[in-house]
Amino acid sequence: MTRNRQDIAVGVIFVAIGLLFGFDVWRTELDVGTPLRMGPGFFPVILASVLVVLGAAIAIRGAIARIPPEAFRAIPWRGLLFIAPLPVFFGLTIEGLGLVLPIFVVAFAASFASREVRLVSAFATAAGVTAFCVVVFHTLAGLPLPLFGPWFDFLRS
């Protein structure tokens, strides 16, 4: 039996990020305010506190837990390769392509992080996620993002 080093590492990372956010609020001297009159530093302090508490709980659980060494699995490289670049793609293309195509591509590509996915189910998932996001973000929330961006202007002429 061994300690869960992954949980310990993740807990320490959460604590470090929380402390970094908390320090940044203190360094920039943002007014925290009170729960009834929140200042601009209120949410970052709450978020930092939650990260520190959550990270400490995860690290302590990892230090206490005893698990067999064979319980550790290999790193899921397929999932990392498919999912890691997707936020970058989304961020670089959302303004030019609009809302529909980047969401569809991200959802479609993320489906292939699993070995069990089939082309039809990936397409159906991407279409469903895209329709949901269009309804929620474009129709209901009224985000000022066009459904199809300026990179599609050549289709309009």
C-alpha atoms as a PDB file:
ATOM      1  CA  MET A   1       0.000   0.000   0.000  1.00  0.00           C
ATOM      2  CA  THR A   2       1.201   3.497  -0.816  1.00  0.00           C
ATOM      3  CA  ARG A   3       0.072   7.082  -0.463  1.00  0.00           C
ATOM      4  CA  ASN A   4      -1.855   8.672  -3.288  1.00  0.00           C
ATOM      5  CA  ARG A   5       0.853  10.977  -4.623  1.00  0.00           C
ATOM      6  CA  GLN A   6      -1.379  12.286  -7.397  1.00  0.00           C
ATOM      7  CA  ASP A   7      -3.937  13.604  -4.884  1.00  0.00           C
ATOM      8  CA  ILE A   8      -1.185  15.118  -2.777  1.00  0.00           C
ATOM      9  CA  ALA A   9       0.306  16.881  -5.816  1.00  0.00           C
ATOM     10  CA  VAL A  10      -3.065  18.167  -7.027  1.00  0.00           C
ATOM     11  CA  GLY A  11      -3.924  19.395  -3.523  1.00  0.00           C
ATOM     12  CA  VAL A  12      -0.636  21.282  -3.253  1.00  0.00           C
ATOM     13  CA  ILE A  13      -1.202  22.844  -6.694  1.00  0.00           C
ATOM     14  CA  PHE A  14      -4.712  23.983  -5.666  1.00  0.00           C
ATOM     15  CA  VAL A  15      -3.354  25.498  -2.452  1.00  0.00           C
ATOM     16  CA  ALA A  16      -0.576  27.274  -4.373  1.00  0.00           C
ATOM     17  CA  ILE A  17      -3.010  28.721  -6.932  1.00  0.00           C
ATOM     18  CA  GLY A  18      -5.378  29.842  -4.155  1.00  0.00           C
ATOM     19  CA  LEU A  19      -2.559  31.519  -2.256  1.00  0.00           C
ATOM     20  CA  LEU A  20      -1.356  33.186  -5.460  1.00  0.00           C
ATOM     21  CA  PHE A  21      -4.836  34.627  -6.123  1.00  0.00           C
ATOM     22  CA  GLY A  22      -5.151  35.743  -2.506  1.00  0.00           C
ATOM     23  CA  PHE A  23      -1.734  37.396  -2.608  1.00  0.00           C
ATOM     24  CA  ASP A  24      -2.624  39.156  -5.851  1.00  0.00           C
ATOM     25  CA  VAL A  25      -5.777  40.649  -4.284  1.00  0.00           C
ATOM     26  CA  TRP A  26      -3.718  41.811  -1.304  1.00  0.00           C
ATOM     27  CA  ARG A  27      -0.926  43.159  -3.568  1.00  0.00           C
ATOM     28  CA  THR A  28      -3.279  45.182  -5.762  1.00  0.00           C
ATOM     29  CA  GLU A  29      -5.145  46.426  -2.677  1.00  0.00           C
ATOM     30  CA  LEU A  30      -8.569  45.610  -4.106  1.00  0.00           C
ATOM     31  CA  ASP A  31     -11.402  46.492  -1.759  1.00  0.00           C
ATOM     32  CA  VAL A  32     -13.011  43.262  -0.532  1.00  0.00           C
ATOM     33  CA  GLY A  33     -16.023  44.916   1.054  1.00  0.00           C
ATOM     34  CA  THR A  34     -18.682  42.957   2.907  1.00  0.00           C
ATOM     35  CA  PRO A  35     -21.147  40.285   1.779  1.00  0.00           C
ATOM     36  CA  LEU A  36     -23.841  42.968   1.471  1.00  0.00           C
ATOM     37  CA  ARG A  37     -21.599  45.527  -0.274  1.00  0.00           C
ATOM     38  CA  MET A  38     -19.100  43.464  -2.217  1.00  0.00           C
ATOM     39  CA  GLY A  39     -16.011  45.141  -3.534  1.00  0.00           C
ATOM     40  CA  PRO A  40     -13.982  44.129  -6.604  1.00  0.00           C
ATOM     41  CA  GLY A  41     -11.777  41.881  -4.468  1.00  0.00           C
ATOM     42  CA  PHE A  42     -14.610  39.910  -2.859  1.00  0.00           C
ATOM     43  CA  PHE A  43     -15.008  37.176  -5.481  1.00  0.00           C
ATOM     44  CA  PRO A  44     -11.243  36.563  -5.923  1.00  0.00           C
ATOM     45  CA  VAL A  45     -10.842  36.220  -2.143  1.00  0.00           C
ATOM     46  CA  ILE A  46     -13.758  33.762  -1.933  1.00  0.00           C
ATOM     47  CA  LEU A  47     -12.400  31.786  -4.889  1.00  0.00           C
ATOM     48  CA  ALA A  48      -8.902  31.755  -3.415  1.00  0.00           C
ATOM     49  CA  SER A  49     -10.254  30.576  -0.067  1.00  0.00           C
ATOM     50  CA  VAL A  50     -12.244  27.771  -1.675  1.00  0.00           C
ATOM     51  CA  LEU A  51      -9.176  26.647  -3.640  1.00  0.00           C
ATOM     52  CA  VAL A  52      -6.994  26.615  -0.527  1.00  0.00           C
ATOM     53  CA  VAL A  53      -9.540  24.664   1.544  1.00  0.00           C
ATOM     54  CA  LEU A  54     -10.308  22.236  -1.281  1.00  0.00           C
ATOM     55  CA  GLY A  55      -6.613  21.734  -2.042  1.00  0.00           C
ATOM     56  CA  ALA A  56      -5.788  21.105   1.601  1.00  0.00           C
ATOM     57  CA  ALA A  57      -8.619  18.561   1.875  1.00  0.00           C
ATOM     58  CA  ILE A  58      -7.457  16.735  -1.265  1.00  0.00           C
ATOM     59  CA  ALA A  59      -3.825  16.690  -0.126  1.00  0.00           C
ATOM     60  CA  ILE A  60      -4.735  15.439   3.355  1.00  0.00           C
ATOM     61  CA  ARG A  61      -6.966  12.734   1.885  1.00  0.00           C
ATOM     62  CA  GLY A  62      -4.130  11.677  -0.429  1.00  0.00           C
ATOM     63  CA  ALA A  63      -1.683  11.539   2.479  1.00  0.00           C
ATOM     64  CA  ILE A  64      -4.023   9.461   4.640  1.00  0.00           C
ATOM     65  CA  ALA A  65      -5.374   7.106   1.987  1.00  0.00           C
ATOM     66  CA  ARG A  66      -3.558   3.864   1.361  1.00  0.00           C
ATOM     67  CA  ILE A  67      -3.981   2.423  -2.101  1.00  0.00           C
ATOM     68  CA  PRO A  68      -2.345  -0.517  -3.853  1.00  0.00           C
ATOM     69  CA  PRO A  69       0.397   0.409  -6.348  1.00  0.00           C
ATOM     70  CA  GLU A  70      -1.419  -1.363  -9.205  1.00  0.00           C
ATOM     71  CA  ALA A  71      -4.331   1.083  -8.824  1.00  0.00           C
ATOM     72  CA  PHE A  72      -2.329   3.738 -10.668  1.00  0.00           C
ATOM     73  CA  ARG A  73      -3.036   3.695 -14.360  1.00  0.00           C
ATOM     74  CA  ALA A  74      -1.040   5.019 -17.263  1.00  0.00           C
ATOM     75  CA  ILE A  75      -1.379   8.659 -18.261  1.00  0.00           C
ATOM     76  CA  PRO A  76      -4.300   9.029 -20.724  1.00  0.00           C
ATOM     77  CA  TRP A  77      -2.254  10.489 -23.572  1.00  0.00           C
ATOM     78  CA  ARG A  78      -5.089  10.184 -26.092  1.00  0.00           C
ATOM     79  CA  GLY A  79      -7.365  12.365 -23.962  1.00  0.00           C
ATOM     80  CA  LEU A  80      -4.630  14.914 -23.337  1.00  0.00           C
ATOM     81  CA  LEU A  81      -3.745  15.157 -27.030  1.00  0.00           C
ATOM     82  CA  PHE A  82      -7.356  15.647 -28.082  1.00  0.00           C
ATOM     83  CA  ILE A  83      -8.503  17.979 -25.295  1.00  0.00           C
ATOM     84  CA  ALA A  84      -5.484  20.157 -24.418  1.00  0.00           C
ATOM     85  CA  PRO A  85      -5.352  22.185 -27.675  1.00  0.00           C
ATOM     86  CA  LEU A  86      -9.115  22.718 -27.896  1.00  0.00           C
ATOM     87  CA  PRO A  87      -9.372  25.776 -25.582  1.00  0.00           C
ATOM     88  CA  VAL A  88      -6.591  27.427 -27.597  1.00  0.00           C
ATOM     89  CA  PHE A  89      -8.417  26.682 -30.865  1.00  0.00           C
ATOM     90  CA  PHE A  90     -11.658  28.011 -29.406  1.00  0.00           C
ATOM     91  CA  GLY A  91     -10.029  31.201 -28.142  1.00  0.00           C
ATOM     92  CA  LEU A  92      -8.266  31.888 -31.432  1.00  0.00           C
ATOM     93  CA  THR A  93     -11.284  31.289 -33.667  1.00  0.00           C
ATOM     94  CA  ILE A  94     -14.381  32.450 -31.746  1.00  0.00           C
ATOM     95  CA  GLU A  95     -14.218  36.038 -33.028  1.00  0.00           C
ATOM     96  CA  GLY A  96     -13.510  35.123 -36.631  1.00  0.00           C
ATOM     97  CA  LEU A  97     -15.730  32.069 -37.045  1.00  0.00           C
ATOM     98  CA  GLY A  98     -18.544  33.070 -34.723  1.00  0.00           C
ATOM     99  CA  LEU A  99     -20.208  30.871 -32.133  1.00  0.00           C
ATOM    100  CA  VAL A 100     -21.408  27.831 -34.077  1.00  0.00           C
ATOM    101  CA  LEU A 101     -18.341  26.368 -35.781  1.00  0.00           C
ATOM    102  CA  PRO A 102     -15.815  26.620 -32.903  1.00  0.00           C
ATOM    103  CA  ILE A 103     -18.264  25.018 -30.471  1.00  0.00           C
ATOM    104  CA  PHE A 104     -19.048  22.243 -32.935  1.00  0.00           C
ATOM    105  CA  VAL A 105     -15.363  21.534 -33.640  1.00  0.00           C
ATOM    106  CA  VAL A 106     -14.437  21.539 -29.947  1.00  0.00           C
ATOM    107  CA  ALA A 107     -17.287  19.211 -28.992  1.00  0.00           C
ATOM    108  CA  PHE A 108     -16.609  16.921 -31.955  1.00  0.00           C
ATOM    109  CA  ALA A 109     -12.857  16.679 -31.308  1.00  0.00           C
ATOM    110  CA  ALA A 110     -13.310  16.234 -27.551  1.00  0.00           C
ATOM    111  CA  SER A 111     -15.509  13.207 -28.237  1.00  0.00           C
ATOM    112  CA  PHE A 112     -12.485  11.385 -29.651  1.00  0.00           C
ATOM    113  CA  ALA A 113     -10.659  11.510 -26.326  1.00  0.00           C
ATOM    114  CA  SER A 114     -12.482   8.248 -25.644  1.00  0.00           C
ATOM    115  CA  ARG A 115     -11.517   5.086 -27.520  1.00  0.00           C
ATOM    116  CA  GLU A 116     -15.136   3.897 -27.587  1.00  0.00           C
ATOM    117  CA  VAL A 117     -16.561   6.838 -29.554  1.00  0.00           C
ATOM    118  CA  ARG A 118     -18.028   6.337 -33.016  1.00  0.00           C
ATOM    119  CA  LEU A 119     -18.269   8.951 -35.739  1.00  0.00           C
ATOM    120  CA  VAL A 120     -22.073   9.132 -35.625  1.00  0.00           C
ATOM    121  CA  SER A 121     -22.195   9.563 -31.840  1.00  0.00           C
ATOM    122  CA  ALA A 122     -19.434  12.205 -31.954  1.00  0.00           C
ATOM    123  CA  PHE A 123     -21.364  14.114 -34.620  1.00  0.00           C
ATOM    124  CA  ALA A 124     -24.633  13.848 -32.681  1.00  0.00           C
ATOM    125  CA  THR A 125     -22.955  14.985 -29.465  1.00  0.00           C
ATOM    126  CA  ALA A 126     -21.322  17.943 -31.202  1.00  0.00           C
ATOM    127  CA  ALA A 127     -24.604  18.950 -32.833  1.00  0.00           C
ATOM    128  CA  GLY A 128     -26.445  18.721 -29.511  1.00  0.00           C
ATOM    129  CA  VAL A 129     -23.820  20.711 -27.602  1.00  0.00           C
ATOM    130  CA  THR A 130     -23.758  23.339 -30.353  1.00  0.00           C
ATOM    131  CA  ALA A 131     -27.548  23.700 -30.369  1.00  0.00           C
ATOM    132  CA  PHE A 132     -27.598  23.936 -26.566  1.00  0.00           C
ATOM    133  CA  CYS A 133     -24.883  26.619 -26.535  1.00  0.00           C
ATOM    134  CA  VAL A 134     -26.608  28.643 -29.262  1.00  0.00           C
ATOM    135  CA  VAL A 135     -29.869  28.609 -27.329  1.00  0.00           C
ATOM    136  CA  VAL A 136     -28.274  29.401 -23.963  1.00  0.00           C
ATOM    137  CA  PHE A 137     -25.570  31.883 -24.908  1.00  0.00           C
ATOM    138  CA  HIS A 138     -26.892  33.535 -28.073  1.00  0.00           C
ATOM    139  CA  THR A 139     -30.650  33.434 -27.613  1.00  0.00           C
ATOM    140  CA  LEU A 140     -31.212  33.511 -23.848  1.00  0.00           C
ATOM    141  CA  ALA A 141     -28.090  35.266 -22.529  1.00  0.00           C
ATOM    142  CA  GLY A 142     -27.799  37.569 -25.545  1.00  0.00           C
ATOM    143  CA  LEU A 143     -24.012  37.404 -25.834  1.00  0.00           C
ATOM    144  CA  PRO A 144     -22.828  39.800 -28.518  1.00  0.00           C
ATOM    145  CA  LEU A 145     -21.287  37.007 -30.583  1.00  0.00           C
ATOM    146  CA  PRO A 146     -22.535  36.381 -34.096  1.00  0.00           C
ATOM    147  CA  LEU A 147     -23.480  32.828 -34.992  1.00  0.00           C
ATOM    148  CA  PHE A 148     -21.139  33.033 -37.987  1.00  0.00           C
ATOM    149  CA  GLY A 149     -18.269  35.517 -37.805  1.00  0.00           C
ATOM    150  CA  PRO A 150     -16.524  37.786 -40.281  1.00  0.00           C
ATOM    151  CA  TRP A 151     -14.429  34.946 -41.708  1.00  0.00           C
ATOM    152  CA  PHE A 152     -17.656  33.831 -43.426  1.00  0.00           C
ATOM    153  CA  ASP A 153     -18.235  37.212 -45.120  1.00  0.00           C
ATOM    154  CA  PHE A 154     -17.161  35.784 -48.475  1.00  0.00           C
ATOM    155  CA  LEU A 155     -20.321  33.630 -48.393  1.00  0.00           C
ATOM    156  CA  ARG A 156     -22.564  36.681 -48.105  1.00  0.00           C
ATOM    157  CA  SER A 157     -21.332  38.437 -51.238  1.00  0.00           C
END
